[in-house]
C-alpha atoms as a PDB file:
ATOM      1  CA  MET A   1     177.072  90.526  26.365  1.00  0.00           C
ATOM      2  CA  VAL A   2     176.598  90.196  30.080  1.00  0.00           C
ATOM      3  CA  GLU A   3     179.054  92.117  32.131  1.00  0.00           C
ATOM      4  CA  SER A   4     180.585  90.302  35.089  1.00  0.00           C
ATOM      5  CA  TYR A   5     181.318  91.851  38.423  1.00  0.00           C
ATOM      6  CA  ARG A   6     183.943  90.627  40.796  1.00  0.00           C
ATOM      7  CA  LEU A   7     183.771  90.989  44.520  1.00  0.00           C
ATOM      8  CA  ALA A   8     186.686  92.769  45.964  1.00  0.00           C
ATOM      9  CA  SER A   9     187.638  92.936  49.572  1.00  0.00           C
ATOM     10  CA  ASP A  10     185.748  96.196  49.974  1.00  0.00           C
ATOM     11  CA  HIS A  11     184.061  95.870  53.318  1.00  0.00           C
ATOM     12  CA  THR A  12     181.253  98.326  52.523  1.00  0.00           C
ATOM     13  CA  LEU A  13     180.174  96.328  49.497  1.00  0.00           C
ATOM     14  CA  LEU A  14     180.532  93.116  51.425  1.00  0.00           C
ATOM     15  CA  ASN A  15     178.316  94.472  54.179  1.00  0.00           C
ATOM     16  CA  ILE A  16     175.617  95.331  51.667  1.00  0.00           C
ATOM     17  CA  LEU A  17     175.807  91.936  50.038  1.00  0.00           C
ATOM     18  CA  HIS A  18     175.865  90.172  53.374  1.00  0.00           C
ATOM     19  CA  ASN A  19     172.607  91.898  54.418  1.00  0.00           C
ATOM     20  CA  LEU A  20     171.053  91.163  51.035  1.00  0.00           C
ATOM     21  CA  LEU A  21     171.915  87.500  51.194  1.00  0.00           C
ATOM     22  CA  ALA A  22     170.741  87.193  54.782  1.00  0.00           C
ATOM     23  CA  ARG A  23     167.366  88.704  53.821  1.00  0.00           C
ATOM     24  CA  TYR A  24     166.826  85.962  51.222  1.00  0.00           C
ATOM     25  CA  TYR A  25     167.884  83.035  53.351  1.00  0.00           C
ATOM     26  CA  VAL A  26     171.347  82.392  51.955  1.00  0.00           C
ATOM     27  CA  ASP A  27     172.798  81.748  55.342  1.00  0.00           C
ATOM     28  CA  THR A  28     173.380  78.204  54.067  1.00  0.00           C
ATOM     29  CA  PHE A  29     175.979  79.682  51.746  1.00  0.00           C
ATOM     30  CA  ILE A  30     177.654  81.748  54.407  1.00  0.00           C
ATOM     31  CA  THR A  31     178.127  79.994  57.714  1.00  0.00           C
ATOM     32  CA  ASN A  32     180.966  82.184  58.781  1.00  0.00           C
ATOM     33  CA  THR A  33     179.768  85.695  59.566  1.00  0.00           C
ATOM     34  CA  ASP A  34     183.314  86.948  59.381  1.00  0.00           C
ATOM     35  CA  LEU A  35     183.306  89.308  56.428  1.00  0.00           C
ATOM     36  CA  SER A  36     186.807  88.341  55.444  1.00  0.00           C
ATOM     37  CA  GLY A  37     185.701  84.711  55.184  1.00  0.00           C
ATOM     38  CA  ALA A  38     182.717  85.773  53.102  1.00  0.00           C
ATOM     39  CA  SER A  39     185.077  87.672  50.840  1.00  0.00           C
ATOM     40  CA  ALA A  40     187.265  84.612  50.362  1.00  0.00           C
ATOM     41  CA  TYR A  41     184.292  82.382  49.666  1.00  0.00           C
ATOM     42  CA  LEU A  42     182.693  84.759  47.179  1.00  0.00           C
ATOM     43  CA  LYS A  43     185.918  85.838  45.513  1.00  0.00           C
ATOM     44  CA  GLY A  44     185.752  85.190  41.824  1.00  0.00           C
ATOM     45  CA  ALA A  45     181.981  84.672  41.753  1.00  0.00           C
ATOM     46  CA  ASP A  46     179.824  87.073  39.807  1.00  0.00           C
ATOM     47  CA  ILE A  47     176.524  88.390  41.061  1.00  0.00           C
ATOM     48  CA  GLU A  48     174.465  86.886  38.238  1.00  0.00           C
ATOM     49  CA  SER A  49     175.943  83.442  38.911  1.00  0.00           C
ATOM     50  CA  LEU A  50     174.822  83.757  42.513  1.00  0.00           C
ATOM     51  CA  ALA A  51     171.383  84.765  41.340  1.00  0.00           C
ATOM     52  CA  ASP A  52     171.204  81.707  39.123  1.00  0.00           C
ATOM     53  CA  ALA A  53     172.358  79.488  41.961  1.00  0.00           C
ATOM     54  CA  PHE A  54     169.735  80.839  44.304  1.00  0.00           C
ATOM     55  CA  ASP A  55     166.139  80.757  43.150  1.00  0.00           C
ATOM     56  CA  SER A  56     164.327  83.097  45.483  1.00  0.00           C
ATOM     57  CA  THR A  57     160.946  81.849  44.302  1.00  0.00           C
ATOM     58  CA  ASN A  58     161.524  78.612  46.187  1.00  0.00           C
ATOM     59  CA  TYR A  59     161.419  80.460  49.480  1.00  0.00           C
ATOM     60  CA  ALA A  60     158.475  82.342  50.840  1.00  0.00           C
ATOM     61  CA  ILE A  61     159.134  85.541  52.665  1.00  0.00           C
ATOM     62  CA  PRO A  62     158.025  84.851  56.235  1.00  0.00           C
ATOM     63  CA  ALA A  63     154.953  86.518  57.641  1.00  0.00           C
ATOM     64  CA  PRO A  64     155.639  89.387  59.993  1.00  0.00           C
ATOM     65  CA  SER A  65     156.314  88.191  63.493  1.00  0.00           C
ATOM     66  CA  ALA A  66     154.249  89.245  66.479  1.00  0.00           C
ATOM     67  CA  GLY A  67     154.882  92.808  67.369  1.00  0.00           C
ATOM     68  CA  THR A  68     155.452  93.929  63.809  1.00  0.00           C
ATOM     69  CA  VAL A  69     153.679  97.218  63.225  1.00  0.00           C
ATOM     70  CA  GLN A  70     150.997  96.852  60.599  1.00  0.00           C
ATOM     71  CA  PRO A  71     149.659  99.792  58.662  1.00  0.00           C
ATOM     72  CA  THR A  72     146.260 101.003  59.859  1.00  0.00           C
ATOM     73  CA  PRO A  73     143.619 100.237  57.234  1.00  0.00           C
ATOM     74  CA  THR A  74     141.847 103.227  55.837  1.00  0.00           C
ATOM     75  CA  PRO A  75     138.222 103.177  57.071  1.00  0.00           C
ATOM     76  CA  THR A  76     135.545 102.851  54.482  1.00  0.00           C
ATOM     77  CA  PRO A  77     133.785 106.194  54.267  1.00  0.00           C
ATOM     78  CA  GLN A  78     130.135 105.978  55.323  1.00  0.00           C
ATOM     79  CA  PRO A  79     127.584 107.791  53.221  1.00  0.00           C
ATOM     80  CA  SER A  80     125.942 110.620  55.147  1.00  0.00           C
ATOM     81  CA  LEU A  81     122.143 110.633  55.525  1.00  0.00           C
ATOM     82  CA  THR A  82     120.590 113.457  53.583  1.00  0.00           C
ATOM     83  CA  LEU A  83     118.007 115.369  55.582  1.00  0.00           C
ATOM     84  CA  LYS A  84     114.509 114.812  54.252  1.00  0.00           C
ATOM     85  CA  TYR A  85     113.279 118.217  55.391  1.00  0.00           C
ATOM     86  CA  ASP A  86     114.745 121.587  56.262  1.00  0.00           C
ATOM     87  CA  PRO A  87     115.061 121.806  60.084  1.00  0.00           C
ATOM     88  CA  ALA A  88     114.300 125.498  59.883  1.00  0.00           C
ATOM     89  CA  GLY A  89     111.226 124.915  57.735  1.00  0.00           C
ATOM     90  CA  GLN A  90     107.670 124.127  58.628  1.00  0.00           C
ATOM     91  CA  ASP A  91     106.787 122.121  61.695  1.00  0.00           C
ATOM     92  CA  ARG A  92     107.217 118.354  61.387  1.00  0.00           C
ATOM     93  CA  ASN A  93     106.047 115.362  63.386  1.00  0.00           C
ATOM     94  CA  CYS A  94     106.945 111.687  63.438  1.00  0.00           C
ATOM     95  CA  THR A  95     104.388 110.779  60.768  1.00  0.00           C
ATOM     96  CA  ASP A  96     106.396 112.820  58.246  1.00  0.00           C
ATOM     97  CA  PHE A  97     109.273 110.307  58.352  1.00  0.00           C
ATOM     98  CA  THR A  98     109.503 106.788  56.955  1.00  0.00           C
ATOM     99  CA  THR A  99     112.294 105.485  59.203  1.00  0.00           C
ATOM    100  CA  TRP A 100     113.722 106.320  62.558  1.00  0.00           C
ATOM    101  CA  GLN A 101     117.088 107.160  60.955  1.00  0.00           C
ATOM    102  CA  GLU A 102     115.442 109.951  58.969  1.00  0.00           C
ATOM    103  CA  ALA A 103     113.677 111.312  62.024  1.00  0.00           C
ATOM    104  CA  GLN A 104     116.790 111.078  64.219  1.00  0.00           C
ATOM    105  CA  ALA A 105     118.963 112.913  61.669  1.00  0.00           C
ATOM    106  CA  PHE A 106     116.346 115.650  61.431  1.00  0.00           C
ATOM    107  CA  PHE A 107     116.046 115.780  65.231  1.00  0.00           C
ATOM    108  CA  LEU A 108     119.813 116.162  65.702  1.00  0.00           C
ATOM    109  CA  ALA A 109     119.921 118.899  63.095  1.00  0.00           C
ATOM    110  CA  THR A 110     117.342 120.950  64.966  1.00  0.00           C
ATOM    111  CA  GLN A 111     119.515 120.832  68.145  1.00  0.00           C
ATOM    112  CA  ASN A 112     116.745 122.080  70.421  1.00  0.00           C
ATOM    113  CA  ASP A 113     113.924 119.711  69.292  1.00  0.00           C
ATOM    114  CA  SER A 114     111.797 122.625  68.176  1.00  0.00           C
ATOM    115  CA  HIS A 115     109.519 120.150  66.376  1.00  0.00           C
ATOM    116  CA  GLY A 116     108.776 118.089  69.501  1.00  0.00           C
ATOM    117  CA  LEU A 117     110.035 114.744  68.166  1.00  0.00           C
ATOM    118  CA  ASP A 118     111.455 113.665  71.555  1.00  0.00           C
ATOM    119  CA  PRO A 119     108.653 114.121  74.096  1.00  0.00           C
ATOM    120  CA  ASP A 120     110.310 112.020  76.800  1.00  0.00           C
ATOM    121  CA  GLY A 121     113.628 113.878  76.550  1.00  0.00           C
ATOM    122  CA  ASP A 122     115.876 110.832  76.101  1.00  0.00           C
ATOM    123  CA  SER A 123     117.536 112.226  72.922  1.00  0.00           C
ATOM    124  CA  ILE A 124     115.875 109.515  70.788  1.00  0.00           C
ATOM    125  CA  ALA A 125     113.301 110.871  68.359  1.00  0.00           C
ATOM    126  CA  CYS A 126     110.171 109.100  67.132  1.00  0.00           C
ATOM    127  CA  GLU A 127     110.778 105.849  68.978  1.00  0.00           C
ATOM    128  CA  ASP A 128     107.808 104.129  67.312  1.00  0.00           C
ATOM    129  CA  LEU A 129     109.280 104.338  63.809  1.00  0.00           C
ATOM    130  CA  PRO A 130     110.959 101.316  62.164  1.00  0.00           C
ATOM    131  CA  GLY A 131     114.648 101.069  63.017  1.00  0.00           C
ATOM    132  CA  ALA A 132     114.398 102.813  66.365  1.00  0.00           C
ATOM    133  CA  PRO A 133     116.682 101.384  69.074  1.00  0.00           C
ATOM    134  CA  GLU A 134     115.110  99.111  71.601  1.00  0.00           C
ATOM    135  CA  PRO A 135     114.243 100.966  74.800  1.00  0.00           C
ATOM    136  CA  GLU A 136     116.335 100.169  77.811  1.00  0.00           C
ATOM    137  CA  VAL A 137     114.540  97.886  80.205  1.00  0.00           C
ATOM    138  CA  GLN A 138     114.913  99.142  83.734  1.00  0.00           C
ATOM    139  CA  GLN A 139     114.694  96.589  86.453  1.00  0.00           C
ATOM    140  CA  VAL A 140     112.364  97.794  89.142  1.00  0.00           C
ATOM    141  CA  VAL A 141     112.760  96.217  92.521  1.00  0.00           C
ATOM    142  CA  VAL A 142     109.436  96.134  94.277  1.00  0.00           C
ATOM    143  CA  THR A 143     109.718  96.032  98.005  1.00  0.00           C
ATOM    144  CA  ALA A 144     106.696  94.499  99.631  1.00  0.00           C
ATOM    145  CA  THR A 145     105.116  96.742 102.197  1.00  0.00           C
ATOM    146  CA  PRO A 146     104.844  94.811 105.419  1.00  0.00           C
ATOM    147  CA  THR A 147     101.330  94.324 106.674  1.00  0.00           C
ATOM    148  CA  PRO A 148     100.912  96.525 109.720  1.00  0.00           C
ATOM    149  CA  SER A 149     100.345  94.669 112.923  1.00  0.00           C
ATOM    150  CA  PRO A 150      96.846  95.088 114.293  1.00  0.00           C
ATOM    151  CA  THR A 151      96.456  97.518 117.139  1.00  0.00           C
ATOM    152  CA  PRO A 152      96.633  95.479 120.297  1.00  0.00           C
ATOM    153  CA  VAL A 153      93.482  95.377 122.340  1.00  0.00           C
ATOM    154  CA  PRO A 154      93.975  97.236 125.618  1.00  0.00           C
ATOM    155  CA  THR A 155      94.259  94.795 128.459  1.00  0.00           C
ATOM    156  CA  GLY A 156      93.956  97.208 131.388  1.00  0.00           C
ATOM    157  CA  GLN A 157      90.868  97.152 133.585  1.00  0.00           C
ATOM    158  CA  GLY A 158      88.016  99.071 131.988  1.00  0.00           C
ATOM    159  CA  LEU A 159      89.854  99.682 128.697  1.00  0.00           C
ATOM    160  CA  SER A 160      88.106  97.069 126.566  1.00  0.00           C
ATOM    161  CA  ARG A 161      84.709  95.390 126.274  1.00  0.00           C
ATOM    162  CA  HIS A 162      86.348  92.129 127.328  1.00  0.00           C
ATOM    163  CA  ASN A 163      87.755  93.571 130.564  1.00  0.00           C
ATOM    164  CA  PRO A 164      85.215  96.116 131.865  1.00  0.00           C
ATOM    165  CA  TRP A 165      85.028  97.794 135.241  1.00  0.00           C
ATOM    166  CA  PRO A 166      82.836  95.840 137.677  1.00  0.00           C
ATOM    167  CA  MET A 167      79.347  96.987 138.612  1.00  0.00           C
ATOM    168  CA  ASP A 168      80.096  97.624 142.288  1.00  0.00           C
ATOM    169  CA  GLY A 169      78.786 101.175 142.797  1.00  0.00           C
ATOM    170  CA  THR A 170      82.284 102.664 142.467  1.00  0.00           C
ATOM    171  CA  CYS A 171      82.816 105.417 139.924  1.00  0.00           C
ATOM    172  CA  TYR A 172      85.713 105.317 137.471  1.00  0.00           C
ATOM    173  CA  GLY A 173      87.160 108.010 135.240  1.00  0.00           C
ATOM    174  CA  PRO A 174      90.050 110.428 134.616  1.00  0.00           C
ATOM    175  CA  ALA A 175      91.003 112.927 137.295  1.00  0.00           C
ATOM    176  CA  ASP A 176      90.130 115.951 135.150  1.00  0.00           C
ATOM    177  CA  SER A 177      86.666 114.732 134.063  1.00  0.00           C
ATOM    178  CA  PHE A 178      83.569 113.012 135.395  1.00  0.00           C
ATOM    179  CA  CYS A 179      83.827 109.866 137.445  1.00  0.00           C
ATOM    180  CA  PHE A 180      81.284 107.422 135.992  1.00  0.00           C
ATOM    181  CA  GLY A 181      79.633 104.623 137.988  1.00  0.00           C
ATOM    182  CA  ILE A 182      76.905 101.992 137.509  1.00  0.00           C
ATOM    183  CA  LEU A 183      74.415 101.887 140.429  1.00  0.00           C
ATOM    184  CA  SER A 184      71.768  99.408 139.200  1.00  0.00           C
ATOM    185  CA  VAL A 185      70.319  97.717 136.085  1.00  0.00           C
ATOM    186  CA  ASP A 186      66.669  96.889 135.308  1.00  0.00           C
ATOM    187  CA  TRP A 187      66.752  94.245 132.543  1.00  0.00           C
ATOM    188  CA  ASP A 188      63.045  94.517 131.737  1.00  0.00           C
ATOM    189  CA  ALA A 189      61.924  98.045 132.528  1.00  0.00           C
ATOM    190  CA  TRP A 190      58.728  98.124 130.433  1.00  0.00           C
ATOM    191  CA  PRO A 191      56.386  97.805 133.465  1.00  0.00           C
ATOM    192  CA  GLU A 192      57.972 100.842 135.163  1.00  0.00           C
ATOM    193  CA  ILE A 193      58.132 102.825 131.922  1.00  0.00           C
ATOM    194  CA  GLN A 194      54.503 101.973 131.117  1.00  0.00           C
ATOM    195  CA  VAL A 195      53.440 103.336 134.513  1.00  0.00           C
ATOM    196  CA  GLU A 196      55.576 106.460 134.063  1.00  0.00           C
ATOM    197  CA  ASN A 197      53.620 107.645 131.038  1.00  0.00           C
ATOM    198  CA  GLN A 198      50.483 106.180 129.491  1.00  0.00           C
ATOM    199  CA  PHE A 199      51.584 107.256 126.024  1.00  0.00           C
ATOM    200  CA  ASN A 200      54.776 105.226 126.084  1.00  0.00           C
ATOM    201  CA  ASP A 201      54.962 102.373 123.604  1.00  0.00           C
ATOM    202  CA  PRO A 202      56.216  98.916 124.512  1.00  0.00           C
ATOM    203  CA  PRO A 203      59.518  97.645 123.089  1.00  0.00           C
ATOM    204  CA  PRO A 204      59.449  95.982 119.638  1.00  0.00           C
ATOM    205  CA  ASP A 205      59.010  92.236 119.441  1.00  0.00           C
ATOM    206  CA  GLY A 206      62.185  90.424 120.431  1.00  0.00           C
ATOM    207  CA  HIS A 207      63.484  93.424 122.412  1.00  0.00           C
ATOM    208  CA  LYS A 208      63.466  94.703 125.978  1.00  0.00           C
ATOM    209  CA  PHE A 209      63.852  98.070 127.633  1.00  0.00           C
ATOM    210  CA  VAL A 210      67.060  97.945 129.725  1.00  0.00           C
ATOM    211  CA  MET A 211      67.193 100.826 132.199  1.00  0.00           C
ATOM    212  CA  ILE A 212      70.533 101.642 133.868  1.00  0.00           C
ATOM    213  CA  GLU A 213      71.013 103.936 136.850  1.00  0.00           C
ATOM    214  CA  ILE A 214      74.330 105.828 136.685  1.00  0.00           C
ATOM    215  CA  SER A 215      76.124 108.446 138.758  1.00  0.00           C
ATOM    216  CA  LEU A 216      78.478 111.239 137.637  1.00  0.00           C
ATOM    217  CA  LEU A 217      81.001 112.952 139.944  1.00  0.00           C
ATOM    218  CA  ASN A 218      82.820 115.991 138.599  1.00  0.00           C
ATOM    219  CA  GLN A 219      86.460 115.368 139.527  1.00  0.00           C
ATOM    220  CA  GLY A 220      87.817 118.249 137.451  1.00  0.00           C
ATOM    221  CA  ASN A 221      88.301 121.902 138.310  1.00  0.00           C
ATOM    222  CA  ILE A 222      85.808 123.342 135.813  1.00  0.00           C
ATOM    223  CA  GLU A 223      82.018 123.203 135.414  1.00  0.00           C
ATOM    224  CA  ARG A 224      80.710 120.280 133.304  1.00  0.00           C
ATOM    225  CA  ASN A 225      77.316 119.225 131.932  1.00  0.00           C
ATOM    226  CA  SER A 226      75.772 115.877 132.810  1.00  0.00           C
ATOM    227  CA  ILE A 227      74.551 115.417 129.239  1.00  0.00           C
ATOM    228  CA  THR A 228      77.635 113.288 128.687  1.00  0.00           C
ATOM    229  CA  GLY A 229      76.093 110.555 130.844  1.00  0.00           C
ATOM    230  CA  GLU A 230      73.425 109.897 128.195  1.00  0.00           C
ATOM    231  CA  THR A 231      74.729 111.160 124.865  1.00  0.00           C
ATOM    232  CA  ASP A 232      78.206 109.649 125.272  1.00  0.00           C
ATOM    233  CA  SER A 233      77.021 106.264 126.527  1.00  0.00           C
ATOM    234  CA  ASP A 234      75.994 103.205 124.540  1.00  0.00           C
ATOM    235  CA  VAL A 235      75.670  99.459 125.061  1.00  0.00           C
ATOM    236  CA  LEU A 236      76.413  96.359 123.004  1.00  0.00           C
ATOM    237  CA  GLY A 237      76.575  92.634 123.489  1.00  0.00           C
ATOM    238  CA  GLN A 238      79.828  90.710 123.634  1.00  0.00           C
ATOM    239  CA  GLY A 239      78.871  88.742 120.523  1.00  0.00           C
ATOM    240  CA  THR A 240      77.908  91.715 118.330  1.00  0.00           C
ATOM    241  CA  ASN A 241      79.440  94.912 117.019  1.00  0.00           C
ATOM    242  CA  VAL A 242      76.142  96.800 116.809  1.00  0.00           C
ATOM    243  CA  VAL A 243      76.168  99.798 119.123  1.00  0.00           C
ATOM    244  CA  ILE A 244      72.872 100.653 120.792  1.00  0.00           C
ATOM    245  CA  ARG A 245      72.215 104.293 121.669  1.00  0.00           C
ATOM    246  CA  SER A 246      70.046 105.592 124.496  1.00  0.00           C
ATOM    247  CA  THR A 247      66.890 106.339 122.517  1.00  0.00           C
ATOM    248  CA  GLY A 248      63.423 104.875 121.971  1.00  0.00           C
ATOM    249  CA  CYS A 249      62.289 104.070 125.479  1.00  0.00           C
ATOM    250  CA  GLY A 250      59.968 107.049 125.794  1.00  0.00           C
ATOM    251  CA  VAL A 251      59.495 108.897 129.079  1.00  0.00           C
ATOM    252  CA  ILE A 252      61.330 106.986 131.800  1.00  0.00           C
ATOM    253  CA  PRO A 253      61.245 107.312 135.589  1.00  0.00           C
ATOM    254  CA  ASN A 254      64.043 109.216 137.352  1.00  0.00           C
ATOM    255  CA  ASP A 255      65.766 110.063 134.091  1.00  0.00           C
ATOM    256  CA  LEU A 256      69.244 111.602 134.202  1.00  0.00           C
ATOM    257  CA  LYS A 257      68.740 115.356 134.135  1.00  0.00           C
ATOM    258  CA  TRP A 258      70.894 117.528 131.924  1.00  0.00           C
ATOM    259  CA  ALA A 259      72.484 119.816 134.437  1.00  0.00           C
ATOM    260  CA  ASP A 260      75.617 121.878 134.958  1.00  0.00           C
ATOM    261  CA  VAL A 261      77.735 120.191 137.582  1.00  0.00           C
ATOM    262  CA  PHE A 262      80.349 122.205 139.442  1.00  0.00           C
ATOM    263  CA  PRO A 263      83.684 120.730 140.548  1.00  0.00           C
ATOM    264  CA  GLY A 264      83.015 118.153 143.272  1.00  0.00           C
ATOM    265  CA  GLY A 265      79.286 117.957 142.406  1.00  0.00           C
ATOM    266  CA  ARG A 266      77.434 114.688 141.744  1.00  0.00           C
ATOM    267  CA  VAL A 267      74.281 113.756 139.813  1.00  0.00           C
ATOM    268  CA  SER A 268      72.543 110.427 139.209  1.00  0.00           C
ATOM    269  CA  GLY A 269      69.633 109.106 137.190  1.00  0.00           C
ATOM    270  CA  ASN A 270      68.417 106.544 134.662  1.00  0.00           C
ATOM    271  CA  ILE A 271      69.304 106.064 130.989  1.00  0.00           C
ATOM    272  CA  CYS A 272      67.496 103.482 128.834  1.00  0.00           C
ATOM    273  CA  PHE A 273      68.299 101.278 125.814  1.00  0.00           C
ATOM    274  CA  VAL A 274      66.192  99.115 123.467  1.00  0.00           C
ATOM    275  CA  VAL A 275      68.151  95.848 123.403  1.00  0.00           C
ATOM    276  CA  PRO A 276      67.625  92.656 121.357  1.00  0.00           C
ATOM    277  CA  ASN A 277      66.870  89.673 123.572  1.00  0.00           C
ATOM    278  CA  GLU A 278      69.963  87.777 122.347  1.00  0.00           C
ATOM    279  CA  ASP A 279      72.281  90.517 123.650  1.00  0.00           C
ATOM    280  CA  ILE A 280      70.776  90.763 127.128  1.00  0.00           C
ATOM    281  CA  SER A 281      73.038  88.192 128.788  1.00  0.00           C
ATOM    282  CA  THR A 282      76.331  89.688 127.540  1.00  0.00           C
ATOM    283  CA  LEU A 283      75.525  93.399 127.501  1.00  0.00           C
ATOM    284  CA  VAL A 284      78.246  95.888 128.504  1.00  0.00           C
ATOM    285  CA  LEU A 285      78.214  99.696 128.605  1.00  0.00           C
ATOM    286  CA  ARG A 286      80.737 102.048 126.990  1.00  0.00           C
ATOM    287  CA  TRP A 287      81.223 105.646 128.106  1.00  0.00           C
ATOM    288  CA  GLU A 288      83.277 107.910 125.805  1.00  0.00           C
ATOM    289  CA  TYR A 289      84.731 110.616 128.015  1.00  0.00           C
ATOM    290  CA  SER A 290      86.760 112.171 125.156  1.00  0.00           C
ATOM    291  CA  PHE A 291      86.963 111.979 121.386  1.00  0.00           C
ATOM    292  CA  ARG A 292      89.579 109.221 121.604  1.00  0.00           C
ATOM    293  CA  ASP A 293      89.085 107.518 124.940  1.00  0.00           C
ATOM    294  CA  ALA A 294      86.389 105.372 126.483  1.00  0.00           C
ATOM    295  CA  LEU A 295      85.764 103.265 129.582  1.00  0.00           C
ATOM    296  CA  TRP A 296      83.841  99.990 129.656  1.00  0.00           C
ATOM    297  CA  PHE A 297      81.530  98.814 132.448  1.00  0.00           C
ATOM    298  CA  ALA A 298      80.004  95.451 133.289  1.00  0.00           C
ATOM    299  CA  LEU A 299      76.253  95.433 133.850  1.00  0.00           C
ATOM    300  CA  ARG A 300      75.973  92.299 135.975  1.00  0.00           C
END
């Protein structure tokens, strides 16, 4: 026998029932939220009759609305990688491992990489083994080095082969050194040189002996040797870069003597060059008065 229960006007029980009915969408039965009205409506009805009248399976419990706190799922435990070798055992290298994961686990267990599995020090062992992470590609910005501008050719008088000092008998040079001057030029000096010494040889075919008379005035305040007039002088044509030194002419007349010249003293004499015929018309003379500096002189 089913026992029947009657709803009284007990407000506590009504509150419980009201919440229960609201949870299962029975607000269509109770439109008046006044508990006294609910009591009057439900008076005389038994609970099981209400259950029969309301089939809760016809209504789906709504999904939780946004903001409803959901339980955090329990993470799936990951199996730990068993070390293949004892880190404190014998020395190992990358060829002892099949995969990078094995080598990396062993490397981390050693803490100080006592087995030398990470030679580049990036905390990644045996990077050539299968499974190793791809190396980071670093973008290198290459800045093009600008091509240096060529050293400008000096344009001052006497500072380049294209703008030499004139051959006017005047000497030119720094105040603390010799003053160098061109006095005369003999473009074919073989007859004079032949007369000077019978043992002299003529110039090679296609060449001439060019004999130049120079003067040196010591403008400095110390003694200097006139050897600079010959050993530090050379000639070359405007169309060539071949420097011709003062050698090969033999014994020449009035040659420049190597002498010590006191401040204010002057010496003069000849120096001679063996010059190809094609350079005769454009020949200029260069005198290097220091390791870095030179003066240029026209010969016509």
